[in-house]
Amino acid sequence: MYRVKIAILFGGCSEEHDVSVKSAKEIANNINTEKYEPIYIGITRSGVWKMCEKPCMDWDNENCRSAVLSPDKRMHGLLVMRDKGYQIQRIDAAFSVLHGKSGEDGAIQGLFELSGIPYVGCDIQSSAVCMDKSLAYIIAKNDGIATPEFWVINKDDRPAAAAFTYPVFVKPARSGSSYGVKKVNGADELDAAIESARQYDSKILIEQAVLGCEVGCAVLGNSSELIVGEVDQIRLQHGIFRIHQEAEPEKGSENAVITIPADLSAEERGRIRDTAKKIYKALGCRGLARVDMFLQDNGRIVLNEVNTLPGFTSYSRYPRMMVAAGITLPELIDRLIVLALKG
């Protein structure tokens, strides 16, 4: 019986390299190998592509082969170094779990498009838009969706600290997993927060803090045929939510409690799901995305961000929300690949 050949890409050059490896490990442990033949492509922190047996934290120390994705549509696959030089390894679809820059910003999606290979997740345009929070806010706001008040700070800008009402959040416009994000409670903290964010991006956002509980919604599907997972809720004890940067996230967050389903009324959860679908459509998403929002005391729902390649780790929110809705991780992986093959 023919098994569909799936290239699973992981690792990468972004600060989210280790999270990506963990996501790939979970996919490797849960993909249906009777139906699919996974081909694992690890990308080192310096950008070297290698085919390996299976993702693990020290995958690069294994007996790997050089392998790159060809943009030539006739090849429809990988060029893999064998004993007699490079040979073509045809693949049927790609499942990238490259988080962050070059993985979620449209870069790898552009290579898939050039190669003619179907792929899991959002296309070039929606990936680029959602990765840049300022662009996502502008488009969402034009569709009637509430967003935080924000200001864009470019490379050489030096904003006047007295111009803002505190607290505000300073964050890289194009980064993930809360890297470079700081809550600023007063004018004396602003410059240091901007410099911290600039380690990850030259484009910085200053956002007015939104009062409300943090909620999220997992969305799956293309066009109008969308499935949403259970709504989750994040309760912070202090600081900001940054579980992917913690020492042992598998044991739970150091400063947050995640509740699934959210401790909200059925009516509130329903409105959150409906808003998540509206945001998903407005930003042109397909395949999957996690939509993060704030629910305010007056019932207003405000967009926080859209993650077009949410984590698949054992502690990641997206798969947990889907499991709570009755979709197991093996079934979720299958559905995502089927959606990619349908186009």
C-alpha atoms as a PDB file:
ATOM      1  CA  MET A   1       0.000   0.000   0.000  1.00  0.00           C
ATOM      2  CA  TYR A   2       1.329   3.418  -1.006  1.00  0.00           C
ATOM      3  CA  ARG A   3       2.045   5.764   1.876  1.00  0.00           C
ATOM      4  CA  VAL A   4       1.773   9.488   1.272  1.00  0.00           C
ATOM      5  CA  LYS A   5       5.236  11.035   1.567  1.00  0.00           C
ATOM      6  CA  ILE A   6       5.225  14.004   3.956  1.00  0.00           C
ATOM      7  CA  ALA A   7       8.274  16.221   4.446  1.00  0.00           C
ATOM      8  CA  ILE A   8       8.245  17.492   8.036  1.00  0.00           C
ATOM      9  CA  LEU A   9      10.497  20.527   8.455  1.00  0.00           C
ATOM     10  CA  PHE A  10      11.688  21.633  11.875  1.00  0.00           C
ATOM     11  CA  GLY A  11      14.409  23.562  13.708  1.00  0.00           C
ATOM     12  CA  GLY A  12      15.340  26.716  11.807  1.00  0.00           C
ATOM     13  CA  CYS A  13      17.285  29.912  12.411  1.00  0.00           C
ATOM     14  CA  SER A  14      14.822  31.753  14.650  1.00  0.00           C
ATOM     15  CA  GLU A  15      14.854  32.066  18.429  1.00  0.00           C
ATOM     16  CA  GLU A  16      12.096  29.438  18.453  1.00  0.00           C
ATOM     17  CA  HIS A  17      14.382  26.645  17.177  1.00  0.00           C
ATOM     18  CA  ASP A  18      14.043  24.458  20.289  1.00  0.00           C
ATOM     19  CA  VAL A  19      10.252  24.856  20.402  1.00  0.00           C
ATOM     20  CA  SER A  20      10.121  23.738  16.777  1.00  0.00           C
ATOM     21  CA  VAL A  21      12.112  20.585  17.564  1.00  0.00           C
ATOM     22  CA  LYS A  22       9.688  19.757  20.390  1.00  0.00           C
ATOM     23  CA  SER A  23       6.724  20.273  18.049  1.00  0.00           C
ATOM     24  CA  ALA A  24       8.265  17.948  15.472  1.00  0.00           C
ATOM     25  CA  LYS A  25       8.857  15.286  18.149  1.00  0.00           C
ATOM     26  CA  GLU A  26       5.155  15.275  19.050  1.00  0.00           C
ATOM     27  CA  ILE A  27       4.160  15.030  15.399  1.00  0.00           C
ATOM     28  CA  ALA A  28       6.610  12.148  14.924  1.00  0.00           C
ATOM     29  CA  ASN A  29       5.051  10.348  17.885  1.00  0.00           C
ATOM     30  CA  ASN A  30       1.495  10.822  16.645  1.00  0.00           C
ATOM     31  CA  ILE A  31       1.482  10.737  12.834  1.00  0.00           C
ATOM     32  CA  ASN A  32      -0.219   7.685  11.318  1.00  0.00           C
ATOM     33  CA  THR A  33       2.723   5.836   9.752  1.00  0.00           C
ATOM     34  CA  GLU A  34       0.416   3.305   8.116  1.00  0.00           C
ATOM     35  CA  LYS A  35      -1.017   6.106   5.989  1.00  0.00           C
ATOM     36  CA  TYR A  36       1.942   8.513   5.828  1.00  0.00           C
ATOM     37  CA  GLU A  37       5.678   8.143   5.262  1.00  0.00           C
ATOM     38  CA  PRO A  38       7.257  11.036   7.190  1.00  0.00           C
ATOM     39  CA  ILE A  39      10.547  12.407   5.889  1.00  0.00           C
ATOM     40  CA  TYR A  40      12.209  14.559   8.541  1.00  0.00           C
ATOM     41  CA  ILE A  41      14.179  17.623   7.473  1.00  0.00           C
ATOM     42  CA  GLY A  42      15.992  19.446  10.251  1.00  0.00           C
ATOM     43  CA  ILE A  43      17.352  22.937   9.680  1.00  0.00           C
ATOM     44  CA  THR A  44      20.256  24.009  11.875  1.00  0.00           C
ATOM     45  CA  ARG A  45      20.471  27.365  13.629  1.00  0.00           C
ATOM     46  CA  SER A  46      22.836  28.491  10.867  1.00  0.00           C
ATOM     47  CA  GLY A  47      20.426  27.436   8.115  1.00  0.00           C
ATOM     48  CA  VAL A  48      21.860  24.081   6.976  1.00  0.00           C
ATOM     49  CA  TRP A  49      19.238  21.569   5.768  1.00  0.00           C
ATOM     50  CA  LYS A  50      19.660  17.901   6.720  1.00  0.00           C
ATOM     51  CA  MET A  51      17.542  14.774   6.438  1.00  0.00           C
ATOM     52  CA  CYS A  52      17.520  12.854   9.706  1.00  0.00           C
ATOM     53  CA  GLU A  53      15.929   9.713  11.096  1.00  0.00           C
ATOM     54  CA  LYS A  54      13.687  11.411  13.642  1.00  0.00           C
ATOM     55  CA  PRO A  55      13.497  14.762  15.443  1.00  0.00           C
ATOM     56  CA  CYS A  56      15.149  14.952  18.868  1.00  0.00           C
ATOM     57  CA  MET A  57      16.996  17.666  20.765  1.00  0.00           C
ATOM     58  CA  ASP A  58      20.400  16.456  19.470  1.00  0.00           C
ATOM     59  CA  TRP A  59      19.152  15.482  15.994  1.00  0.00           C
ATOM     60  CA  ASP A  60      22.094  17.264  14.334  1.00  0.00           C
ATOM     61  CA  ASN A  61      24.537  14.795  15.917  1.00  0.00           C
ATOM     62  CA  GLU A  62      22.890  11.875  14.153  1.00  0.00           C
ATOM     63  CA  ASN A  63      23.906  10.369  10.829  1.00  0.00           C
ATOM     64  CA  CYS A  64      22.208  13.014   8.685  1.00  0.00           C
ATOM     65  CA  ARG A  65      22.339  13.621   4.947  1.00  0.00           C
ATOM     66  CA  SER A  66      22.365  16.991   3.217  1.00  0.00           C
ATOM     67  CA  ALA A  67      18.902  17.623   1.769  1.00  0.00           C
ATOM     68  CA  VAL A  68      17.337  20.730   0.247  1.00  0.00           C
ATOM     69  CA  LEU A  69      13.924  21.443  -1.220  1.00  0.00           C
ATOM     70  CA  SER A  70      14.152  22.084  -4.943  1.00  0.00           C
ATOM     71  CA  PRO A  71      12.144  25.016  -6.356  1.00  0.00           C
ATOM     72  CA  ASP A  72      11.903  23.107  -9.659  1.00  0.00           C
ATOM     73  CA  LYS A  73       8.295  21.952 -10.073  1.00  0.00           C
ATOM     74  CA  ARG A  74       9.408  18.985 -12.196  1.00  0.00           C
ATOM     75  CA  MET A  75      11.305  17.530  -9.257  1.00  0.00           C
ATOM     76  CA  HIS A  76       8.457  18.061  -6.795  1.00  0.00           C
ATOM     77  CA  GLY A  77      10.675  17.193  -3.891  1.00  0.00           C
ATOM     78  CA  LEU A  78      14.033  17.123  -2.202  1.00  0.00           C
ATOM     79  CA  LEU A  79      17.595  16.844  -3.446  1.00  0.00           C
ATOM     80  CA  VAL A  80      19.217  14.411  -1.029  1.00  0.00           C
ATOM     81  CA  MET A  81      22.943  13.661  -0.871  1.00  0.00           C
ATOM     82  CA  ARG A  82      23.528   9.951  -1.443  1.00  0.00           C
ATOM     83  CA  ASP A  83      26.682   7.919  -2.068  1.00  0.00           C
ATOM     84  CA  LYS A  84      26.645   8.832  -5.767  1.00  0.00           C
ATOM     85  CA  GLY A  85      25.725  12.492  -5.386  1.00  0.00           C
ATOM     86  CA  TYR A  86      22.390  14.239  -5.049  1.00  0.00           C
ATOM     87  CA  GLN A  87      19.270  12.233  -5.851  1.00  0.00           C
ATOM     88  CA  ILE A  88      15.650  13.291  -6.037  1.00  0.00           C
ATOM     89  CA  GLN A  89      13.320  12.329  -3.200  1.00  0.00           C
ATOM     90  CA  ARG A  90       9.807  13.062  -4.399  1.00  0.00           C
ATOM     91  CA  ILE A  91       7.355  14.225  -1.734  1.00  0.00           C
ATOM     92  CA  ASP A  92       3.587  14.613  -1.842  1.00  0.00           C
ATOM     93  CA  ALA A  93       3.147  17.397   0.731  1.00  0.00           C
ATOM     94  CA  ALA A  94       5.055  19.392   3.314  1.00  0.00           C
ATOM     95  CA  PHE A  95       4.265  19.988   6.964  1.00  0.00           C
ATOM     96  CA  SER A  96       6.457  22.774   8.303  1.00  0.00           C
ATOM     97  CA  VAL A  97       6.729  23.229  12.054  1.00  0.00           C
ATOM     98  CA  LEU A  98       9.310  25.984  11.681  1.00  0.00           C
ATOM     99  CA  HIS A  99       8.151  28.548  14.236  1.00  0.00           C
ATOM    100  CA  GLY A 100       9.020  32.228  14.005  1.00  0.00           C
ATOM    101  CA  LYS A 101      11.028  33.997  11.313  1.00  0.00           C
ATOM    102  CA  SER A 102      11.396  32.187   7.978  1.00  0.00           C
ATOM    103  CA  GLY A 103       8.797  29.674   9.169  1.00  0.00           C
ATOM    104  CA  GLU A 104       5.681  31.740   9.780  1.00  0.00           C
ATOM    105  CA  ASP A 105       6.359  34.912   7.803  1.00  0.00           C
ATOM    106  CA  GLY A 106       5.760  33.577   4.279  1.00  0.00           C
ATOM    107  CA  ALA A 107       9.386  32.698   3.489  1.00  0.00           C
ATOM    108  CA  ILE A 108       9.143  28.892   3.589  1.00  0.00           C
ATOM    109  CA  GLN A 109       5.633  29.110   2.136  1.00  0.00           C
ATOM    110  CA  GLY A 110       7.111  30.901  -0.887  1.00  0.00           C
ATOM    111  CA  LEU A 111       9.561  28.039  -1.409  1.00  0.00           C
ATOM    112  CA  PHE A 112       6.709  25.521  -1.252  1.00  0.00           C
ATOM    113  CA  GLU A 113       4.794  27.559  -3.829  1.00  0.00           C
ATOM    114  CA  LEU A 114       7.818  27.633  -6.153  1.00  0.00           C
ATOM    115  CA  SER A 115       8.254  23.876  -5.785  1.00  0.00           C
ATOM    116  CA  GLY A 116       4.587  23.170  -6.499  1.00  0.00           C
ATOM    117  CA  ILE A 117       4.339  21.114  -3.311  1.00  0.00           C
ATOM    118  CA  PRO A 118       1.115  21.308  -1.254  1.00  0.00           C
ATOM    119  CA  TYR A 119       1.742  22.384   2.320  1.00  0.00           C
ATOM    120  CA  VAL A 120       0.000  22.561   5.665  1.00  0.00           C
ATOM    121  CA  GLY A 121      -1.111  25.964   6.872  1.00  0.00           C
ATOM    122  CA  CYS A 122      -1.509  29.541   5.753  1.00  0.00           C
ATOM    123  CA  ASP A 123      -0.329  30.863   2.396  1.00  0.00           C
ATOM    124  CA  ILE A 124       2.361  33.496   1.774  1.00  0.00           C
ATOM    125  CA  GLN A 125       0.095  36.496   2.180  1.00  0.00           C
ATOM    126  CA  SER A 126      -1.731  35.504   5.348  1.00  0.00           C
ATOM    127  CA  SER A 127       1.492  34.225   6.926  1.00  0.00           C
ATOM    128  CA  ALA A 128       3.225  37.551   6.300  1.00  0.00           C
ATOM    129  CA  VAL A 129       0.262  39.607   7.491  1.00  0.00           C
ATOM    130  CA  CYS A 130      -0.272  37.654  10.714  1.00  0.00           C
ATOM    131  CA  MET A 131       3.441  37.611  11.519  1.00  0.00           C
ATOM    132  CA  ASP A 132       3.481  41.420  11.465  1.00  0.00           C
ATOM    133  CA  LYS A 133       1.155  42.369  14.309  1.00  0.00           C
ATOM    134  CA  SER A 134       0.731  45.945  13.070  1.00  0.00           C
ATOM    135  CA  LEU A 135      -0.511  44.762   9.664  1.00  0.00           C
ATOM    136  CA  ALA A 136      -2.816  42.222  11.287  1.00  0.00           C
ATOM    137  CA  TYR A 137      -4.304  44.954  13.491  1.00  0.00           C
ATOM    138  CA  ILE A 138      -4.908  47.286  10.536  1.00  0.00           C
ATOM    139  CA  ILE A 139      -6.701  44.624   8.489  1.00  0.00           C
ATOM    140  CA  ALA A 140      -8.713  43.336  11.438  1.00  0.00           C
ATOM    141  CA  LYS A 141      -9.751  46.849  12.450  1.00  0.00           C
ATOM    142  CA  ASN A 142     -10.958  47.572   8.911  1.00  0.00           C
ATOM    143  CA  ASP A 143     -13.221  44.526   9.254  1.00  0.00           C
ATOM    144  CA  GLY A 144     -14.790  45.858  12.430  1.00  0.00           C
ATOM    145  CA  ILE A 145     -12.687  43.839  14.886  1.00  0.00           C
ATOM    146  CA  ALA A 146     -11.477  45.569  18.045  1.00  0.00           C
ATOM    147  CA  THR A 147      -7.695  45.855  18.424  1.00  0.00           C
ATOM    148  CA  PRO A 148      -5.376  47.452  20.990  1.00  0.00           C
ATOM    149  CA  GLU A 149      -4.306  51.029  20.429  1.00  0.00           C
ATOM    150  CA  PHE A 150      -0.755  50.813  19.105  1.00  0.00           C
ATOM    151  CA  TRP A 151       2.215  52.764  17.787  1.00  0.00           C
ATOM    152  CA  VAL A 152       4.911  51.536  15.393  1.00  0.00           C
ATOM    153  CA  ILE A 153       8.527  52.322  16.245  1.00  0.00           C
ATOM    154  CA  ASN A 154      10.991  51.851  13.397  1.00  0.00           C
ATOM    155  CA  LYS A 155      14.736  51.350  13.575  1.00  0.00           C
ATOM    156  CA  ASP A 156      15.919  54.887  14.393  1.00  0.00           C
ATOM    157  CA  ASP A 157      12.787  56.198  16.110  1.00  0.00           C
ATOM    158  CA  ARG A 158      13.126  57.539  19.661  1.00  0.00           C
ATOM    159  CA  PRO A 159       9.617  58.059  21.039  1.00  0.00           C
ATOM    160  CA  ALA A 160       8.938  60.493  23.865  1.00  0.00           C
ATOM    161  CA  ALA A 161       8.248  58.408  26.948  1.00  0.00           C
ATOM    162  CA  ALA A 162       5.828  61.020  28.284  1.00  0.00           C
ATOM    163  CA  ALA A 163       3.574  60.549  25.241  1.00  0.00           C
ATOM    164  CA  PHE A 164       2.121  57.261  26.526  1.00  0.00           C
ATOM    165  CA  THR A 165      -0.348  56.292  29.217  1.00  0.00           C
ATOM    166  CA  TYR A 166       1.077  53.406  31.196  1.00  0.00           C
ATOM    167  CA  PRO A 167       1.103  50.459  31.381  1.00  0.00           C
ATOM    168  CA  VAL A 168       1.995  49.605  27.802  1.00  0.00           C
ATOM    169  CA  PHE A 169       3.495  46.515  26.189  1.00  0.00           C
ATOM    170  CA  VAL A 170       6.596  46.768  24.042  1.00  0.00           C
ATOM    171  CA  LYS A 171       7.112  43.916  21.612  1.00  0.00           C
ATOM    172  CA  PRO A 172       8.869  43.006  18.357  1.00  0.00           C
ATOM    173  CA  ALA A 173       6.348  43.399  15.539  1.00  0.00           C
ATOM    174  CA  ARG A 174       7.474  40.132  13.914  1.00  0.00           C
ATOM    175  CA  SER A 175       8.396  37.534  16.513  1.00  0.00           C
ATOM    176  CA  GLY A 176       6.746  34.851  18.611  1.00  0.00           C
ATOM    177  CA  SER A 177       6.724  32.955  21.909  1.00  0.00           C
ATOM    178  CA  SER A 178       6.900  36.296  23.764  1.00  0.00           C
ATOM    179  CA  TYR A 179      10.592  36.802  22.940  1.00  0.00           C
ATOM    180  CA  GLY A 180      11.490  40.452  23.460  1.00  0.00           C
ATOM    181  CA  VAL A 181       8.095  41.331  24.974  1.00  0.00           C
ATOM    182  CA  LYS A 182       8.021  43.490  28.099  1.00  0.00           C
ATOM    183  CA  LYS A 183       5.298  45.132  30.122  1.00  0.00           C
ATOM    184  CA  VAL A 184       6.264  48.733  30.827  1.00  0.00           C
ATOM    185  CA  ASN A 185       4.702  50.280  33.915  1.00  0.00           C
ATOM    186  CA  GLY A 186       6.331  53.690  33.717  1.00  0.00           C
ATOM    187  CA  ALA A 187       8.205  56.100  31.462  1.00  0.00           C
ATOM    188  CA  ASP A 188      11.559  55.232  33.059  1.00  0.00           C
ATOM    189  CA  GLU A 189      11.282  51.628  31.751  1.00  0.00           C
ATOM    190  CA  LEU A 190      10.442  52.412  28.126  1.00  0.00           C
ATOM    191  CA  ASP A 191      13.875  52.846  26.525  1.00  0.00           C
ATOM    192  CA  ALA A 192      15.231  49.592  27.993  1.00  0.00           C
ATOM    193  CA  ALA A 193      12.156  47.696  26.789  1.00  0.00           C
ATOM    194  CA  ILE A 194      12.555  49.068  23.261  1.00  0.00           C
ATOM    195  CA  GLU A 195      16.222  48.067  23.174  1.00  0.00           C
ATOM    196  CA  SER A 196      15.293  44.571  24.365  1.00  0.00           C
ATOM    197  CA  ALA A 197      12.682  44.215  21.609  1.00  0.00           C
ATOM    198  CA  ARG A 198      15.187  45.417  19.000  1.00  0.00           C
ATOM    199  CA  GLN A 199      17.271  42.323  19.626  1.00  0.00           C
ATOM    200  CA  TYR A 200      14.556  40.420  17.747  1.00  0.00           C
ATOM    201  CA  ASP A 201      13.200  42.888  15.189  1.00  0.00           C
ATOM    202  CA  SER A 202      13.888  46.362  13.797  1.00  0.00           C
ATOM    203  CA  LYS A 203      10.146  47.101  13.829  1.00  0.00           C
ATOM    204  CA  ILE A 204       8.699  47.538  17.317  1.00  0.00           C
ATOM    205  CA  LEU A 205       5.152  47.897  18.603  1.00  0.00           C
ATOM    206  CA  ILE A 206       4.086  49.850  21.635  1.00  0.00           C
ATOM    207  CA  GLU A 207       0.609  48.694  22.633  1.00  0.00           C
ATOM    208  CA  GLN A 208      -1.753  50.190  25.128  1.00  0.00           C
ATOM    209  CA  ALA A 209      -2.440  47.532  27.776  1.00  0.00           C
ATOM    210  CA  VAL A 210      -5.892  45.979  27.429  1.00  0.00           C
ATOM    211  CA  LEU A 211      -7.764  45.189  30.638  1.00  0.00           C
ATOM    212  CA  GLY A 212      -9.426  41.801  30.376  1.00  0.00           C
ATOM    213  CA  CYS A 213      -8.852  38.073  30.625  1.00  0.00           C
ATOM    214  CA  GLU A 214      -6.641  36.371  28.045  1.00  0.00           C
ATOM    215  CA  VAL A 215      -8.454  33.790  25.948  1.00  0.00           C
ATOM    216  CA  GLY A 216      -7.577  31.776  22.878  1.00  0.00           C
ATOM    217  CA  CYS A 217      -9.291  29.751  20.219  1.00  0.00           C
ATOM    218  CA  ALA A 218      -7.903  27.067  17.901  1.00  0.00           C
ATOM    219  CA  VAL A 219      -9.276  27.238  14.345  1.00  0.00           C
ATOM    220  CA  LEU A 220      -8.988  24.477  11.743  1.00  0.00           C
ATOM    221  CA  GLY A 221     -10.065  24.476   8.119  1.00  0.00           C
ATOM    222  CA  ASN A 222     -10.257  26.329   4.827  1.00  0.00           C
ATOM    223  CA  SER A 223     -12.705  28.987   3.673  1.00  0.00           C
ATOM    224  CA  SER A 224     -16.142  28.710   5.252  1.00  0.00           C
ATOM    225  CA  GLU A 225     -15.719  25.138   6.512  1.00  0.00           C
ATOM    226  CA  LEU A 226     -14.143  25.871   9.870  1.00  0.00           C
ATOM    227  CA  ILE A 227     -13.851  23.864  13.072  1.00  0.00           C
ATOM    228  CA  VAL A 228     -13.004  25.566  16.347  1.00  0.00           C
ATOM    229  CA  GLY A 229     -11.589  23.952  19.447  1.00  0.00           C
ATOM    230  CA  GLU A 230     -12.558  24.644  23.017  1.00  0.00           C
ATOM    231  CA  VAL A 231     -11.773  28.170  24.212  1.00  0.00           C
ATOM    232  CA  ASP A 232      -8.912  28.377  26.694  1.00  0.00           C
ATOM    233  CA  GLN A 233      -8.153  31.003  29.346  1.00  0.00           C
ATOM    234  CA  ILE A 234      -4.836  32.171  30.778  1.00  0.00           C
ATOM    235  CA  ARG A 235      -4.653  33.410  34.351  1.00  0.00           C
ATOM    236  CA  LEU A 236      -1.370  35.120  35.185  1.00  0.00           C
ATOM    237  CA  GLN A 237       0.055  35.201  38.681  1.00  0.00           C
ATOM    238  CA  HIS A 238       2.680  37.781  37.647  1.00  0.00           C
ATOM    239  CA  GLY A 239       4.556  38.984  34.580  1.00  0.00           C
ATOM    240  CA  ILE A 240       3.527  37.896  31.080  1.00  0.00           C
ATOM    241  CA  PHE A 241       2.791  34.519  29.522  1.00  0.00           C
ATOM    242  CA  ARG A 242       6.044  33.056  28.173  1.00  0.00           C
ATOM    243  CA  ILE A 243       5.841  29.317  28.730  1.00  0.00           C
ATOM    244  CA  HIS A 244       8.132  28.473  25.797  1.00  0.00           C
ATOM    245  CA  GLN A 245      10.987  30.324  27.481  1.00  0.00           C
ATOM    246  CA  GLU A 246      10.658  28.495  30.789  1.00  0.00           C
ATOM    247  CA  ALA A 247      13.067  25.813  31.996  1.00  0.00           C
ATOM    248  CA  GLU A 248      10.565  22.945  32.306  1.00  0.00           C
ATOM    249  CA  PRO A 249       7.352  23.901  30.500  1.00  0.00           C
ATOM    250  CA  GLU A 250       6.326  20.248  30.276  1.00  0.00           C
ATOM    251  CA  LYS A 251       5.615  20.450  34.019  1.00  0.00           C
ATOM    252  CA  GLY A 252       3.411  23.517  33.622  1.00  0.00           C
ATOM    253  CA  SER A 253       3.948  27.252  33.514  1.00  0.00           C
ATOM    254  CA  GLU A 254       5.858  29.011  36.280  1.00  0.00           C
ATOM    255  CA  ASN A 255       3.519  32.009  36.379  1.00  0.00           C
ATOM    256  CA  ALA A 256       0.295  31.052  34.635  1.00  0.00           C
ATOM    257  CA  VAL A 257      -2.625  28.663  34.825  1.00  0.00           C
ATOM    258  CA  ILE A 258      -4.274  27.603  31.565  1.00  0.00           C
ATOM    259  CA  THR A 259      -7.888  26.462  31.838  1.00  0.00           C
ATOM    260  CA  ILE A 260      -9.573  24.450  29.061  1.00  0.00           C
ATOM    261  CA  PRO A 261     -12.428  25.042  28.592  1.00  0.00           C
ATOM    262  CA  ALA A 262     -12.314  28.624  29.789  1.00  0.00           C
ATOM    263  CA  ASP A 263     -14.115  29.397  33.013  1.00  0.00           C
ATOM    264  CA  LEU A 264     -16.718  31.465  31.172  1.00  0.00           C
ATOM    265  CA  SER A 265     -20.370  31.128  30.292  1.00  0.00           C
ATOM    266  CA  ALA A 266     -21.430  29.154  27.224  1.00  0.00           C
ATOM    267  CA  GLU A 267     -22.601  32.422  25.653  1.00  0.00           C
ATOM    268  CA  GLU A 268     -19.215  34.089  26.190  1.00  0.00           C
ATOM    269  CA  ARG A 269     -17.317  31.092  24.815  1.00  0.00           C
ATOM    270  CA  GLY A 270     -19.613  31.073  21.788  1.00  0.00           C
ATOM    271  CA  ARG A 271     -18.939  34.738  21.060  1.00  0.00           C
ATOM    272  CA  ILE A 272     -15.205  34.139  21.389  1.00  0.00           C
ATOM    273  CA  ARG A 273     -15.381  31.259  18.904  1.00  0.00           C
ATOM    274  CA  ASP A 274     -17.408  33.358  16.463  1.00  0.00           C
ATOM    275  CA  THR A 275     -14.945  36.252  16.762  1.00  0.00           C
ATOM    276  CA  ALA A 276     -11.993  33.900  16.219  1.00  0.00           C
ATOM    277  CA  LYS A 277     -13.574  32.638  12.997  1.00  0.00           C
ATOM    278  CA  LYS A 278     -14.225  36.199  11.839  1.00  0.00           C
ATOM    279  CA  ILE A 279     -10.596  37.159  12.494  1.00  0.00           C
ATOM    280  CA  TYR A 280      -9.356  33.990  10.768  1.00  0.00           C
ATOM    281  CA  LYS A 281     -11.350  34.830   7.642  1.00  0.00           C
ATOM    282  CA  ALA A 282     -10.480  38.546   7.683  1.00  0.00           C
ATOM    283  CA  LEU A 283      -6.760  37.761   7.692  1.00  0.00           C
ATOM    284  CA  GLY A 284      -7.080  35.132   4.951  1.00  0.00           C
ATOM    285  CA  CYS A 285      -5.980  32.181   7.085  1.00  0.00           C
ATOM    286  CA  ARG A 286      -6.251  28.589   5.949  1.00  0.00           C
ATOM    287  CA  GLY A 287      -5.334  25.229   7.411  1.00  0.00           C
ATOM    288  CA  LEU A 288      -4.877  26.288  11.008  1.00  0.00           C
ATOM    289  CA  ALA A 289      -4.256  29.195  13.331  1.00  0.00           C
ATOM    290  CA  ARG A 290      -4.564  30.046  16.994  1.00  0.00           C
ATOM    291  CA  VAL A 291      -6.383  33.303  17.605  1.00  0.00           C
ATOM    292  CA  ASP A 292      -5.520  35.019  20.896  1.00  0.00           C
ATOM    293  CA  MET A 293      -7.901  37.632  22.302  1.00  0.00           C
ATOM    294  CA  PHE A 294      -8.887  39.567  25.406  1.00  0.00           C
ATOM    295  CA  LEU A 295     -12.375  39.406  26.880  1.00  0.00           C
ATOM    296  CA  GLN A 296     -13.131  42.612  28.759  1.00  0.00           C
ATOM    297  CA  ASP A 297     -15.550  43.026  31.641  1.00  0.00           C
ATOM    298  CA  ASN A 298     -18.026  44.849  29.391  1.00  0.00           C
ATOM    299  CA  GLY A 299     -18.089  41.876  26.999  1.00  0.00           C
ATOM    300  CA  ARG A 300     -15.886  43.502  24.353  1.00  0.00           C
ATOM    301  CA  ILE A 301     -13.519  41.066  22.597  1.00  0.00           C
ATOM    302  CA  VAL A 302     -10.167  42.504  21.507  1.00  0.00           C
ATOM    303  CA  LEU A 303      -7.656  40.836  19.178  1.00  0.00           C
ATOM    304  CA  ASN A 304      -4.268  40.111  20.701  1.00  0.00           C
ATOM    305  CA  GLU A 305      -2.495  38.166  17.925  1.00  0.00           C
ATOM    306  CA  VAL A 306      -2.891  35.359  15.418  1.00  0.00           C
ATOM    307  CA  ASN A 307      -0.361  32.519  15.386  1.00  0.00           C
ATOM    308  CA  THR A 308      -0.405  30.803  11.982  1.00  0.00           C
ATOM    309  CA  LEU A 309       1.873  27.985  13.106  1.00  0.00           C
ATOM    310  CA  PRO A 310       1.010  27.320  16.743  1.00  0.00           C
ATOM    311  CA  GLY A 311       3.117  24.926  18.761  1.00  0.00           C
ATOM    312  CA  PHE A 312       2.523  21.179  18.711  1.00  0.00           C
ATOM    313  CA  THR A 313       4.513  20.453  21.856  1.00  0.00           C
ATOM    314  CA  SER A 314       3.070  18.359  24.679  1.00  0.00           C
ATOM    315  CA  TYR A 315       2.116  21.557  26.519  1.00  0.00           C
ATOM    316  CA  SER A 316       1.032  23.694  23.530  1.00  0.00           C
ATOM    317  CA  ARG A 317      -2.362  25.324  23.626  1.00  0.00           C
ATOM    318  CA  TYR A 318      -3.586  24.612  20.069  1.00  0.00           C
ATOM    319  CA  PRO A 319      -3.597  20.789  20.199  1.00  0.00           C
ATOM    320  CA  ARG A 320      -4.933  20.856  23.762  1.00  0.00           C
ATOM    321  CA  MET A 321      -7.886  22.979  22.670  1.00  0.00           C
ATOM    322  CA  MET A 322      -8.593  20.570  19.825  1.00  0.00           C
ATOM    323  CA  VAL A 323      -8.323  17.518  22.100  1.00  0.00           C
ATOM    324  CA  ALA A 324     -10.838  19.167  24.448  1.00  0.00           C
ATOM    325  CA  ALA A 325     -13.155  19.480  21.439  1.00  0.00           C
ATOM    326  CA  GLY A 326     -12.799  15.765  20.674  1.00  0.00           C
ATOM    327  CA  ILE A 327     -10.082  15.853  17.994  1.00  0.00           C
ATOM    328  CA  THR A 328      -7.042  13.811  19.015  1.00  0.00           C
ATOM    329  CA  LEU A 329      -3.542  14.791  17.895  1.00  0.00           C
ATOM    330  CA  PRO A 330      -3.240  11.915  15.362  1.00  0.00           C
ATOM    331  CA  GLU A 331      -6.619  12.925  13.901  1.00  0.00           C
ATOM    332  CA  LEU A 332      -5.605  16.597  13.860  1.00  0.00           C
ATOM    333  CA  ILE A 333      -2.383  15.817  11.976  1.00  0.00           C
ATOM    334  CA  ASP A 334      -4.362  13.735   9.475  1.00  0.00           C
ATOM    335  CA  ARG A 335      -6.928  16.494   8.932  1.00  0.00           C
ATOM    336  CA  LEU A 336      -4.225  19.110   8.352  1.00  0.00           C
ATOM    337  CA  ILE A 337      -2.459  16.984   5.740  1.00  0.00           C
ATOM    338  CA  VAL A 338      -5.749  16.187   3.988  1.00  0.00           C
ATOM    339  CA  LEU A 339      -6.561  19.920   3.860  1.00  0.00           C
ATOM    340  CA  ALA A 340      -3.125  20.612   2.358  1.00  0.00           C
ATOM    341  CA  LEU A 341      -3.574  17.943  -0.328  1.00  0.00           C
ATOM    342  CA  LYS A 342      -7.010  19.307  -1.240  1.00  0.00           C
ATOM    343  CA  GLY A 343      -5.473  22.760  -1.767  1.00  0.00           C
END
